[in-house]
Amino acid sequence: MSDNPVFDRIKSEIDSTDVVLFMKGNPMFPQCGFSAAVVGALSTMQVKFKGIDVLQDMEIREGIKAYSNWPTIPQLYVKGEFIGGCDIVKEMYQTGELQKLFDDKGIAYQAA
């Protein structure tokens, strides 16, 4: 527990699921192109993940930026580790680094 209840909520979400995406919208209806791009990569790989819609909660929307010290959304976490935003995830997907990360972390996915 920290002295910041929003950070505690964020940490709880990150700790409760192996792959968590803080995004605008939800995995079925992303509300921005960046969120849609990350959802597309994860969906193509058939990775099970939890999408958290920051548009539904302003405390989480602002809190996640401070929590990660990263200014933009979406933000991908794998087994508690902050991976990055859209550009980083897209590049990792295209170079095969994302697949390697999932292998290293023991996350099930479908190889392309």
Protein backbone atom coordinates (compact mmCIF):
# COMPACT_ATOMS: atom_id res chain seq x y z
CA MET A 1 0.00 0.00 0.00
CA SER A 2 1.16 3.49 -0.80
CA ASP A 3 -0.10 6.82 0.41
CA ASN A 4 -1.74 7.32 -2.99
CA PRO A 5 -5.04 5.45 -3.35
CA VAL A 6 -5.03 5.82 -7.16
CA PHE A 7 -1.59 4.22 -7.36
CA ASP A 8 -2.90 1.40 -5.15
CA ARG A 9 -5.81 0.83 -7.56
CA ILE A 10 -3.48 0.86 -10.56
CA LYS A 11 -1.04 -1.53 -8.89
CA SER A 12 -3.92 -3.84 -7.99
CA GLU A 13 -5.03 -3.94 -11.65
CA ILE A 14 -1.48 -4.57 -12.87
CA ASP A 15 -0.89 -7.30 -10.29
CA SER A 16 -4.20 -9.07 -10.90
CA THR A 17 -3.71 -9.83 -14.61
CA ASP A 18 -0.62 -10.91 -16.56
CA VAL A 19 -1.23 -8.53 -19.48
CA VAL A 20 -2.95 -5.20 -18.82
CA LEU A 21 -3.54 -2.42 -21.31
CA PHE A 22 -4.54 1.01 -20.07
CA MET A 23 -6.30 2.40 -23.10
CA LYS A 24 -8.92 4.76 -24.45
CA GLY A 25 -12.06 2.72 -25.00
CA ASN A 26 -12.20 -1.03 -24.54
CA PRO A 27 -10.72 -3.93 -26.52
CA MET A 28 -13.93 -4.29 -28.56
CA PHE A 29 -14.21 -0.54 -29.29
CA PRO A 30 -10.91 1.32 -28.95
CA GLN A 31 -11.54 5.07 -28.92
CA CYS A 32 -8.25 6.22 -30.44
CA GLY A 33 -5.97 4.97 -33.16
CA PHE A 34 -3.06 4.35 -30.81
CA SER A 35 -5.15 2.15 -28.54
CA ALA A 36 -6.56 0.38 -31.59
CA ALA A 37 -3.04 -0.34 -32.88
CA VAL A 38 -1.97 -2.00 -29.62
CA VAL A 39 -5.23 -3.94 -29.36
CA GLY A 40 -4.65 -5.05 -32.96
CA ALA A 41 -1.17 -6.40 -32.19
CA LEU A 42 -2.34 -8.22 -29.05
CA SER A 43 -5.43 -9.56 -30.80
CA THR A 44 -3.43 -10.78 -33.78
CA MET A 45 -1.21 -12.68 -31.34
CA GLN A 46 -4.34 -13.92 -29.52
CA VAL A 47 -2.93 -12.75 -26.20
CA LYS A 48 -5.41 -12.67 -23.34
CA PHE A 49 -5.32 -9.21 -21.81
CA LYS A 50 -7.38 -6.89 -19.71
CA GLY A 51 -8.20 -3.51 -21.18
CA ILE A 52 -8.84 -0.70 -18.75
CA ASP A 53 -10.74 2.22 -20.25
CA VAL A 54 -9.16 5.38 -18.86
CA LEU A 55 -11.96 7.46 -20.38
CA GLN A 56 -14.29 6.04 -17.74
CA ASP A 57 -12.16 7.19 -14.80
CA MET A 58 -10.27 10.49 -14.78
CA GLU A 59 -8.30 9.51 -11.67
CA ILE A 60 -6.94 6.44 -13.45
CA ARG A 61 -6.41 8.41 -16.67
CA GLU A 62 -4.15 10.94 -14.97
CA GLY A 63 -2.84 8.55 -12.34
CA ILE A 64 -1.43 6.03 -14.79
CA LYS A 65 0.72 8.73 -16.38
CA ALA A 66 2.24 9.60 -13.01
CA TYR A 67 2.50 5.93 -11.98
CA SER A 68 4.58 5.02 -15.03
CA ASN A 69 6.15 8.43 -15.57
CA TRP A 70 4.98 8.06 -19.17
CA PRO A 71 2.89 10.87 -20.67
CA THR A 72 0.68 9.05 -23.12
CA ILE A 73 -1.97 6.36 -23.30
CA PRO A 74 -2.14 3.45 -24.17
CA GLN A 75 0.27 1.81 -21.77
CA LEU A 76 1.02 -1.90 -21.77
CA TYR A 77 2.04 -3.87 -18.67
CA VAL A 78 3.17 -7.49 -18.74
CA LYS A 79 3.50 -9.36 -15.43
CA GLY A 80 3.75 -6.06 -13.60
CA GLU A 81 6.39 -4.57 -15.90
CA PHE A 82 5.70 -1.40 -17.85
CA ILE A 83 6.49 -2.17 -21.49
CA GLY A 84 5.61 1.07 -23.24
CA GLY A 85 3.14 2.92 -25.36
CA CYS A 86 1.85 2.43 -28.86
CA ASP A 87 5.04 3.16 -30.81
CA ILE A 88 7.15 0.89 -28.62
CA VAL A 89 4.64 -1.97 -28.67
CA LYS A 90 4.21 -1.68 -32.46
CA GLU A 91 7.96 -1.74 -33.00
CA MET A 92 8.39 -4.69 -30.63
CA TYR A 93 5.63 -6.54 -32.47
CA GLN A 94 7.16 -5.87 -35.88
CA THR A 95 10.67 -6.89 -34.82
CA GLY A 96 9.60 -9.99 -32.90
CA GLU A 97 10.65 -8.54 -29.54
CA LEU A 98 7.09 -8.67 -28.24
CA GLN A 99 6.90 -12.39 -28.98
CA LYS A 100 10.25 -12.87 -27.21
CA LEU A 101 8.97 -10.89 -24.23
CA PHE A 102 5.87 -13.10 -24.01
CA ASP A 103 8.08 -16.19 -24.28
CA ASP A 104 10.35 -14.92 -21.52
CA LYS A 105 7.39 -14.04 -19.27
CA GLY A 106 5.50 -17.27 -19.97
CA ILE A 107 2.55 -15.56 -21.64
CA ALA A 108 0.57 -17.72 -24.07
CA TYR A 109 0.12 -16.32 -27.57
CA GLN A 110 -0.39 -17.49 -31.13
CA ALA A 111 2.68 -17.14 -33.33
CA ALA A 112 2.06 -15.34 -36.62
